[in-house]
PDB file of all heavy atoms in Angstrom:
ATOM      1  N   PHE A   1       7.096  -6.660   4.913  1.00  0.00           N
ATOM      2  CA  PHE A   1       7.619  -5.626   4.031  1.00  0.00           C
ATOM      3  C   PHE A   1       8.126  -4.465   4.877  1.00  0.00           C
ATOM      4  O   PHE A   1       7.808  -4.337   6.061  1.00  0.00           O
ATOM      5  CB  PHE A   1       6.532  -5.143   3.065  1.00  0.00           C
ATOM      6  CG  PHE A   1       5.200  -4.928   3.717  1.00  0.00           C
ATOM      7  CD1 PHE A   1       4.858  -3.706   4.272  1.00  0.00           C
ATOM      8  CD2 PHE A   1       4.285  -5.971   3.814  1.00  0.00           C
ATOM      9  CE1 PHE A   1       3.648  -3.513   4.895  1.00  0.00           C
ATOM     10  CE2 PHE A   1       3.053  -5.793   4.435  1.00  0.00           C
ATOM     11  CZ  PHE A   1       2.741  -4.555   4.981  1.00  0.00           C
ATOM     12  N   GLU A   2       8.927  -3.610   4.230  1.00  0.00           N
ATOM     13  CA  GLU A   2       9.522  -2.464   4.920  1.00  0.00           C
ATOM     14  C   GLU A   2       9.063  -1.174   4.240  1.00  0.00           C
ATOM     15  O   GLU A   2       8.053  -1.143   3.544  1.00  0.00           O
ATOM     16  CB  GLU A   2      11.055  -2.580   4.894  1.00  0.00           C
ATOM     17  CG  GLU A   2      11.600  -3.955   5.270  1.00  0.00           C
ATOM     18  CD  GLU A   2      11.148  -4.443   6.638  1.00  0.00           C
ATOM     19  OE1 GLU A   2      11.009  -3.621   7.571  1.00  0.00           O
ATOM     20  OE2 GLU A   2      10.909  -5.659   6.794  1.00  0.00           O
ATOM     21  N   THR A   3       9.846  -0.104   4.409  1.00  0.00           N
ATOM     22  CA  THR A   3       9.590   1.149   3.704  1.00  0.00           C
ATOM     23  C   THR A   3       9.638   0.906   2.195  1.00  0.00           C
ATOM     24  O   THR A   3      10.368   0.039   1.722  1.00  0.00           O
ATOM     25  CB  THR A   3      10.643   2.191   4.119  1.00  0.00           C
ATOM     26  OG1 THR A   3      10.486   2.453   5.522  1.00  0.00           O
ATOM     27  CG2 THR A   3      10.479   3.490   3.355  1.00  0.00           C
ATOM     28  N   ASP A   4       8.865   1.678   1.437  1.00  0.00           N
ATOM     29  CA  ASP A   4       8.741   1.503  -0.014  1.00  0.00           C
ATOM     30  C   ASP A   4       8.325   0.068  -0.354  1.00  0.00           C
ATOM     31  O   ASP A   4       8.979  -0.629  -1.124  1.00  0.00           O
ATOM     32  CB  ASP A   4      10.050   1.845  -0.740  1.00  0.00           C
ATOM     33  CG  ASP A   4      10.479   3.280  -0.543  1.00  0.00           C
ATOM     34  OD1 ASP A   4       9.611   4.137  -0.271  1.00  0.00           O
ATOM     35  OD2 ASP A   4      11.686   3.557  -0.651  1.00  0.00           O
ATOM     36  N   PRO A   5       7.221  -0.409   0.194  1.00  0.00           N
ATOM     37  CA  PRO A   5       6.821  -1.809   0.007  1.00  0.00           C
ATOM     38  C   PRO A   5       6.374  -2.114  -1.415  1.00  0.00           C
ATOM     39  O   PRO A   5       5.893  -1.237  -2.141  1.00  0.00           O
ATOM     40  CB  PRO A   5       5.647  -1.961   0.974  1.00  0.00           C
ATOM     41  CG  PRO A   5       5.055  -0.590   1.047  1.00  0.00           C
ATOM     42  CD  PRO A   5       6.233   0.345   0.988  1.00  0.00           C
ATOM     43  N   VAL A   6       6.531  -3.373  -1.796  1.00  0.00           N
ATOM     44  CA  VAL A   6       6.019  -3.872  -3.071  1.00  0.00           C
ATOM     45  C   VAL A   6       4.757  -4.672  -2.762  1.00  0.00           C
ATOM     46  O   VAL A   6       4.811  -5.698  -2.091  1.00  0.00           O
ATOM     47  CB  VAL A   6       7.062  -4.740  -3.791  1.00  0.00           C
ATOM     48  CG1 VAL A   6       6.481  -5.294  -5.093  1.00  0.00           C
ATOM     49  CG2 VAL A   6       8.325  -3.931  -4.071  1.00  0.00           C
ATOM     50  N   LEU A   7       3.623  -4.186  -3.241  1.00  0.00           N
ATOM     51  CA  LEU A   7       2.327  -4.762  -2.891  1.00  0.00           C
ATOM     52  C   LEU A   7       1.530  -5.110  -4.139  1.00  0.00           C
ATOM     53  O   LEU A   7       1.768  -4.563  -5.216  1.00  0.00           O
ATOM     54  CB  LEU A   7       1.526  -3.763  -2.041  1.00  0.00           C
ATOM     55  CG  LEU A   7       2.216  -3.219  -0.778  1.00  0.00           C
ATOM     56  CD1 LEU A   7       1.411  -2.073  -0.192  1.00  0.00           C
ATOM     57  CD2 LEU A   7       2.409  -4.327   0.240  1.00  0.00           C
ATOM     58  N   SER A   8       0.579  -6.012  -3.980  1.00  0.00           N
ATOM     59  CA  SER A   8      -0.308  -6.407  -5.073  1.00  0.00           C
ATOM     60  C   SER A   8      -1.703  -5.857  -4.818  1.00  0.00           C
ATOM     61  O   SER A   8      -2.280  -6.093  -3.750  1.00  0.00           O
ATOM     62  CB  SER A   8      -0.367  -7.935  -5.181  1.00  0.00           C
ATOM     63  OG  SER A   8      -1.406  -8.353  -6.036  1.00  0.00           O
ATOM     64  N   ARG A   9      -2.237  -5.124  -5.801  1.00  0.00           N
ATOM     65  CA  ARG A   9      -3.596  -4.611  -5.676  1.00  0.00           C
ATOM     66  C   ARG A   9      -4.565  -5.575  -6.347  1.00  0.00           C
ATOM     67  O   ARG A   9      -4.453  -5.850  -7.546  1.00  0.00           O
ATOM     68  CB  ARG A   9      -3.719  -3.212  -6.302  1.00  0.00           C
ATOM     69  CG  ARG A   9      -5.096  -2.576  -6.060  1.00  0.00           C
ATOM     70  CD  ARG A   9      -5.212  -1.203  -6.687  1.00  0.00           C
ATOM     71  NE  ARG A   9      -4.305  -0.238  -6.097  1.00  0.00           N
ATOM     72  CZ  ARG A   9      -4.528   0.430  -4.964  1.00  0.00           C
ATOM     73  NH1 ARG A   9      -5.642   0.192  -4.278  1.00  0.00           N
ATOM     74  NH2 ARG A   9      -3.652   1.306  -4.517  1.00  0.00           N
ATOM     75  N   ASP A  10      -5.480  -6.092  -5.559  1.00  0.00           N
ATOM     76  CA  ASP A  10      -6.515  -7.010  -6.058  1.00  0.00           C
ATOM     77  C   ASP A  10      -5.922  -8.181  -6.825  1.00  0.00           C
ATOM     78  O   ASP A  10      -6.494  -8.658  -7.816  1.00  0.00           O
ATOM     79  CB  ASP A  10      -7.513  -6.254  -6.920  1.00  0.00           C
ATOM     80  CG  ASP A  10      -8.281  -5.203  -6.123  1.00  0.00           C
ATOM     81  OD1 ASP A  10      -8.351  -5.332  -4.887  1.00  0.00           O
ATOM     82  OD2 ASP A  10      -8.800  -4.257  -6.736  1.00  0.00           O
ATOM     83  N   GLY A  11      -4.751  -8.643  -6.381  1.00  0.00           N
ATOM     84  CA  GLY A  11      -4.139  -9.833  -6.971  1.00  0.00           C
ATOM     85  C   GLY A  11      -3.375  -9.594  -8.238  1.00  0.00           C
ATOM     86  O   GLY A  11      -2.924 -10.540  -8.883  1.00  0.00           O
ATOM     87  N   GLY A  12      -3.191  -8.326  -8.631  1.00  0.00           N
ATOM     88  CA  GLY A  12      -2.468  -8.015  -9.854  1.00  0.00           C
ATOM     89  C   GLY A  12      -0.969  -8.033  -9.662  1.00  0.00           C
ATOM     90  O   GLY A  12      -0.462  -8.390  -8.589  1.00  0.00           O
ATOM     91  N   PRO A  13      -0.202  -7.679 -10.700  1.00  0.00           N
ATOM     92  CA  PRO A  13       1.259  -7.680 -10.613  1.00  0.00           C
ATOM     93  C   PRO A  13       1.737  -6.763  -9.493  1.00  0.00           C
ATOM     94  O   PRO A  13       1.184  -5.673  -9.292  1.00  0.00           O
ATOM     95  CB  PRO A  13       1.700  -7.149 -11.980  1.00  0.00           C
ATOM     96  CG  PRO A  13       0.543  -7.414 -12.888  1.00  0.00           C
ATOM     97  CD  PRO A  13      -0.684  -7.278 -12.040  1.00  0.00           C
ATOM     98  N   PRO A  14       2.747  -7.163  -8.738  1.00  0.00           N
ATOM     99  CA  PRO A  14       3.251  -6.343  -7.634  1.00  0.00           C
ATOM    100  C   PRO A  14       3.774  -4.993  -8.128  1.00  0.00           C
ATOM    101  O   PRO A  14       4.387  -4.898  -9.192  1.00  0.00           O
ATOM    102  CB  PRO A  14       4.374  -7.189  -7.046  1.00  0.00           C
ATOM    103  CG  PRO A  14       4.048  -8.593  -7.449  1.00  0.00           C
ATOM    104  CD  PRO A  14       3.416  -8.479  -8.795  1.00  0.00           C
ATOM    105  N   GLU A  15       3.525  -3.961  -7.343  1.00  0.00           N
ATOM    106  CA  GLU A  15       4.003  -2.615  -7.643  1.00  0.00           C
ATOM    107  C   GLU A  15       4.637  -2.022  -6.390  1.00  0.00           C
ATOM    108  O   GLU A  15       4.207  -2.313  -5.271  1.00  0.00           O
ATOM    109  CB  GLU A  15       2.848  -1.700  -8.060  1.00  0.00           C
ATOM    110  CG  GLU A  15       2.090  -2.140  -9.294  1.00  0.00           C
ATOM    111  CD  GLU A  15       0.932  -1.201  -9.592  1.00  0.00           C
ATOM    112  OE1 GLU A  15       1.152   0.029  -9.555  1.00  0.00           O
ATOM    113  OE2 GLU A  15      -0.180  -1.704  -9.823  1.00  0.00           O
ATOM    114  N   LYS A  16       5.641  -1.160  -6.590  1.00  0.00           N
ATOM    115  CA  LYS A  16       6.285  -0.493  -5.458  1.00  0.00           C
ATOM    116  C   LYS A  16       5.508   0.765  -5.099  1.00  0.00           C
ATOM    117  O   LYS A  16       5.133   1.558  -5.958  1.00  0.00           O
ATOM    118  CB  LYS A  16       7.733  -0.135  -5.789  1.00  0.00           C
ATOM    119  CG  LYS A  16       8.450   0.603  -4.658  1.00  0.00           C
ATOM    120  CD  LYS A  16       9.939   0.738  -4.905  1.00  0.00           C
ATOM    121  CE  LYS A  16      10.655  -0.577  -4.657  1.00  0.00           C
ATOM    122  NZ  LYS A  16      12.128  -0.400  -4.610  1.00  0.00           N
ATOM    123  N   TYR A  17       5.280   0.939  -3.793  1.00  0.00           N
ATOM    124  CA  TYR A  17       4.619   2.125  -3.261  1.00  0.00           C
ATOM    125  C   TYR A  17       5.627   2.881  -2.403  1.00  0.00           C
ATOM    126  O   TYR A  17       6.174   2.324  -1.453  1.00  0.00           O
ATOM    127  CB  TYR A  17       3.386   1.733  -2.441  1.00  0.00           C
ATOM    128  CG  TYR A  17       2.270   1.195  -3.294  1.00  0.00           C
ATOM    129  CD1 TYR A  17       2.320  -0.105  -3.816  1.00  0.00           C
ATOM    130  CD2 TYR A  17       1.171   1.977  -3.606  1.00  0.00           C
ATOM    131  CE1 TYR A  17       1.300  -0.594  -4.615  1.00  0.00           C
ATOM    132  CE2 TYR A  17       0.142   1.499  -4.403  1.00  0.00           C
ATOM    133  CZ  TYR A  17       0.215   0.205  -4.906  1.00  0.00           C
ATOM    134  OH  TYR A  17      -0.793  -0.275  -5.706  1.00  0.00           O
ATOM    135  N   ARG A  18       5.868   4.124  -2.732  1.00  0.00           N
ATOM    136  CA  ARG A  18       6.886   4.895  -2.047  1.00  0.00           C
ATOM    137  C   ARG A  18       6.359   5.465  -0.728  1.00  0.00           C
ATOM    138  O   ARG A  18       5.285   6.058  -0.681  1.00  0.00           O
ATOM    139  CB  ARG A  18       7.355   6.060  -2.930  1.00  0.00           C
ATOM    140  CG  ARG A  18       8.016   5.617  -4.228  1.00  0.00           C
ATOM    141  CD  ARG A  18       9.383   5.015  -3.969  1.00  0.00           C
ATOM    142  NE  ARG A  18      10.055   4.616  -5.212  1.00  0.00           N
ATOM    143  CZ  ARG A  18      11.250   4.044  -5.253  1.00  0.00           C
ATOM    144  NH1 ARG A  18      11.903   3.799  -4.136  1.00  0.00           N
ATOM    145  NH2 ARG A  18      11.783   3.709  -6.415  1.00  0.00           N
ATOM    146  N   GLY A  19       7.143   5.251   0.321  1.00  0.00           N
ATOM    147  CA  GLY A  19       6.793   5.843   1.599  1.00  0.00           C
ATOM    148  C   GLY A  19       6.904   4.861   2.749  1.00  0.00           C
ATOM    149  O   GLY A  19       7.294   3.697   2.575  1.00  0.00           O
ATOM    150  N   GLU A  20       6.583   5.330   3.938  1.00  0.00           N
ATOM    151  CA  GLU A  20       6.602   4.492   5.138  1.00  0.00           C
ATOM    152  C   GLU A  20       5.409   3.548   5.077  1.00  0.00           C
ATOM    153  O   GLU A  20       4.275   3.973   4.839  1.00  0.00           O
ATOM    154  CB  GLU A  20       6.545   5.387   6.387  1.00  0.00           C
ATOM    155  CG  GLU A  20       6.972   4.693   7.666  1.00  0.00           C
ATOM    156  CD  GLU A  20       5.876   3.830   8.257  1.00  0.00           C
ATOM    157  OE1 GLU A  20       4.696   4.260   8.232  1.00  0.00           O
ATOM    158  OE2 GLU A  20       6.189   2.717   8.735  1.00  0.00           O
ATOM    159  N   SER A  21       5.637   2.271   5.293  1.00  0.00           N
ATOM    160  CA  SER A  21       4.627   1.261   4.957  1.00  0.00           C
ATOM    161  C   SER A  21       3.340   1.388   5.767  1.00  0.00           C
ATOM    162  O   SER A  21       2.241   1.225   5.230  1.00  0.00           O
ATOM    163  CB  SER A  21       5.212  -0.141   5.106  1.00  0.00           C
ATOM    164  OG  SER A  21       5.523  -0.432   6.455  1.00  0.00           O
ATOM    165  N   SER A  22       3.437   1.675   7.069  1.00  0.00           N
ATOM    166  CA  SER A  22       2.220   1.776   7.880  1.00  0.00           C
ATOM    167  C   SER A  22       1.357   2.938   7.404  1.00  0.00           C
ATOM    168  O   SER A  22       0.121   2.838   7.345  1.00  0.00           O
ATOM    169  CB  SER A  22       2.575   1.954   9.354  1.00  0.00           C
ATOM    170  OG  SER A  22       3.245   0.807   9.859  1.00  0.00           O
ATOM    171  N   ALA A  23       2.002   4.054   7.051  1.00  0.00           N
ATOM    172  CA  ALA A  23       1.258   5.211   6.553  1.00  0.00           C
ATOM    173  C   ALA A  23       0.571   4.895   5.232  1.00  0.00           C
ATOM    174  O   ALA A  23      -0.572   5.318   4.995  1.00  0.00           O
ATOM    175  CB  ALA A  23       2.207   6.406   6.390  1.00  0.00           C
ATOM    176  N   ILE A  24       1.252   4.147   4.361  1.00  0.00           N
ATOM    177  CA  ILE A  24       0.656   3.765   3.073  1.00  0.00           C
ATOM    178  C   ILE A  24      -0.610   2.936   3.295  1.00  0.00           C
ATOM    179  O   ILE A  24      -1.655   3.186   2.679  1.00  0.00           O
ATOM    180  CB  ILE A  24       1.679   2.975   2.233  1.00  0.00           C
ATOM    181  CG1 ILE A  24       2.794   3.905   1.758  1.00  0.00           C
ATOM    182  CG2 ILE A  24       1.009   2.290   1.043  1.00  0.00           C
ATOM    183  CD1 ILE A  24       3.973   3.178   1.147  1.00  0.00           C
ATOM    184  N   LEU A  25      -0.539   1.961   4.181  1.00  0.00           N
ATOM    185  CA  LEU A  25      -1.697   1.092   4.429  1.00  0.00           C
ATOM    186  C   LEU A  25      -2.873   1.887   4.989  1.00  0.00           C
ATOM    187  O   LEU A  25      -4.029   1.684   4.593  1.00  0.00           O
ATOM    188  CB  LEU A  25      -1.318  -0.029   5.390  1.00  0.00           C
ATOM    189  CG  LEU A  25      -0.221  -0.990   4.946  1.00  0.00           C
ATOM    190  CD1 LEU A  25      -0.041  -2.080   5.987  1.00  0.00           C
ATOM    191  CD2 LEU A  25      -0.519  -1.596   3.583  1.00  0.00           C
ATOM    192  N   VAL A  26      -2.601   2.786   5.922  1.00  0.00           N
ATOM    193  CA  VAL A  26      -3.681   3.555   6.535  1.00  0.00           C
ATOM    194  C   VAL A  26      -4.342   4.482   5.518  1.00  0.00           C
ATOM    195  O   VAL A  26      -5.578   4.624   5.502  1.00  0.00           O
ATOM    196  CB  VAL A  26      -3.152   4.329   7.753  1.00  0.00           C
ATOM    197  CG1 VAL A  26      -4.120   5.448   8.154  1.00  0.00           C
ATOM    198  CG2 VAL A  26      -2.952   3.372   8.925  1.00  0.00           C
ATOM    199  N   GLU A  27      -3.568   5.108   4.640  1.00  0.00           N
ATOM    200  CA  GLU A  27      -4.172   5.970   3.622  1.00  0.00           C
ATOM    201  C   GLU A  27      -5.067   5.157   2.680  1.00  0.00           C
ATOM    202  O   GLU A  27      -6.143   5.608   2.278  1.00  0.00           O
ATOM    203  CB  GLU A  27      -3.094   6.712   2.833  1.00  0.00           C
ATOM    204  CG  GLU A  27      -2.328   7.733   3.637  1.00  0.00           C
ATOM    205  CD  GLU A  27      -3.226   8.780   4.292  1.00  0.00           C
ATOM    206  OE1 GLU A  27      -4.219   9.196   3.663  1.00  0.00           O
ATOM    207  OE2 GLU A  27      -2.934   9.158   5.446  1.00  0.00           O
ATOM    208  N   GLU A  28      -4.626   3.953   2.333  1.00  0.00           N
ATOM    209  CA  GLU A  28      -5.465   3.081   1.501  1.00  0.00           C
ATOM    210  C   GLU A  28      -6.739   2.698   2.242  1.00  0.00           C
ATOM    211  O   GLU A  28      -7.834   2.677   1.664  1.00  0.00           O
ATOM    212  CB  GLU A  28      -4.678   1.830   1.110  1.00  0.00           C
ATOM    213  CG  GLU A  28      -3.573   2.061   0.113  1.00  0.00           C
ATOM    214  CD  GLU A  28      -4.102   2.297  -1.296  1.00  0.00           C
ATOM    215  OE1 GLU A  28      -5.229   1.855  -1.597  1.00  0.00           O
ATOM    216  OE2 GLU A  28      -3.384   2.925  -2.094  1.00  0.00           O
ATOM    217  N   ALA A  29      -6.607   2.400   3.532  1.00  0.00           N
ATOM    218  CA  ALA A  29      -7.772   2.020   4.330  1.00  0.00           C
ATOM    219  C   ALA A  29      -8.747   3.178   4.447  1.00  0.00           C
ATOM    220  O   ALA A  29      -9.975   2.993   4.381  1.00  0.00           O
ATOM    221  CB  ALA A  29      -7.318   1.552   5.708  1.00  0.00           C
ATOM    222  N   ILE A  30      -8.234   4.387   4.620  1.00  0.00           N
ATOM    223  CA  ILE A  30      -9.100   5.561   4.718  1.00  0.00           C
ATOM    224  C   ILE A  30      -9.907   5.744   3.435  1.00  0.00           C
ATOM    225  O   ILE A  30     -11.117   6.009   3.470  1.00  0.00           O
ATOM    226  CB  ILE A  30      -8.255   6.809   5.037  1.00  0.00           C
ATOM    227  CG1 ILE A  30      -7.823   6.781   6.506  1.00  0.00           C
ATOM    228  CG2 ILE A  30      -9.025   8.089   4.722  1.00  0.00           C
ATOM    229  CD1 ILE A  30      -6.844   7.869   6.889  1.00  0.00           C
ATOM    230  N   ARG A  31      -9.249   5.603   2.287  1.00  0.00           N
ATOM    231  CA  ARG A  31      -9.969   5.725   1.015  1.00  0.00           C
ATOM    232  C   ARG A  31     -11.061   4.670   0.913  1.00  0.00           C
ATOM    233  O   ARG A  31     -12.169   4.939   0.447  1.00  0.00           O
ATOM    234  CB  ARG A  31      -8.991   5.612  -0.157  1.00  0.00           C
ATOM    235  CG  ARG A  31      -8.246   6.893  -0.453  1.00  0.00           C
ATOM    236  CD  ARG A  31      -7.528   6.817  -1.785  1.00  0.00           C
ATOM    237  NE  ARG A  31      -6.336   5.995  -1.706  1.00  0.00           N
ATOM    238  CZ  ARG A  31      -5.137   6.459  -1.331  1.00  0.00           C
ATOM    239  NH1 ARG A  31      -4.984   7.728  -1.003  1.00  0.00           N
ATOM    240  NH2 ARG A  31      -4.089   5.658  -1.310  1.00  0.00           N
ATOM    241  N   PHE A  32     -10.736   3.467   1.354  1.00  0.00           N
ATOM    242  CA  PHE A  32     -11.712   2.370   1.303  1.00  0.00           C
ATOM    243  C   PHE A  32     -12.909   2.662   2.200  1.00  0.00           C
ATOM    244  O   PHE A  32     -14.076   2.471   1.798  1.00  0.00           O
ATOM    245  CB  PHE A  32     -11.033   1.064   1.722  1.00  0.00           C
ATOM    246  CG  PHE A  32     -11.958  -0.097   1.880  1.00  0.00           C
ATOM    247  CD1 PHE A  32     -12.492  -0.732   0.772  1.00  0.00           C
ATOM    248  CD2 PHE A  32     -12.319  -0.554   3.139  1.00  0.00           C
ATOM    249  CE1 PHE A  32     -13.362  -1.808   0.913  1.00  0.00           C
ATOM    250  CE2 PHE A  32     -13.181  -1.624   3.296  1.00  0.00           C
ATOM    251  CZ  PHE A  32     -13.705  -2.252   2.179  1.00  0.00           C
ATOM    252  N   ILE A  33     -12.659   3.132   3.403  1.00  0.00           N
ATOM    253  CA  ILE A  33     -13.756   3.444   4.323  1.00  0.00           C
ATOM    254  C   ILE A  33     -14.626   4.560   3.751  1.00  0.00           C
ATOM    255  O   ILE A  33     -15.862   4.495   3.784  1.00  0.00           O
ATOM    256  CB  ILE A  33     -13.197   3.829   5.707  1.00  0.00           C
ATOM    257  CG1 ILE A  33     -12.526   2.606   6.365  1.00  0.00           C
ATOM    258  CG2 ILE A  33     -14.301   4.375   6.610  1.00  0.00           C
ATOM    259  CD1 ILE A  33     -11.703   2.938   7.586  1.00  0.00           C
ATOM    260  N   ASP A  34     -13.988   5.596   3.213  1.00  0.00           N
ATOM    261  CA  ASP A  34     -14.749   6.704   2.627  1.00  0.00           C
ATOM    262  C   ASP A  34     -15.609   6.238   1.448  1.00  0.00           C
ATOM    263  O   ASP A  34     -16.753   6.685   1.280  1.00  0.00           O
ATOM    264  CB  ASP A  34     -13.794   7.805   2.164  1.00  0.00           C
ATOM    265  CG  ASP A  34     -13.224   8.613   3.327  1.00  0.00           C
ATOM    266  OD1 ASP A  34     -13.703   8.432   4.463  1.00  0.00           O
ATOM    267  OD2 ASP A  34     -12.285   9.403   3.094  1.00  0.00           O
TER     268      ASP A  34
END
């Protein structure tokens, strides 16, 4: 995937997430770790 990736959360319908993809993943990971 590239910028503004379309991702599936917990296997649900794909949704577009706005932003640079690596930054999006890291923010999600940070929330998960917290």
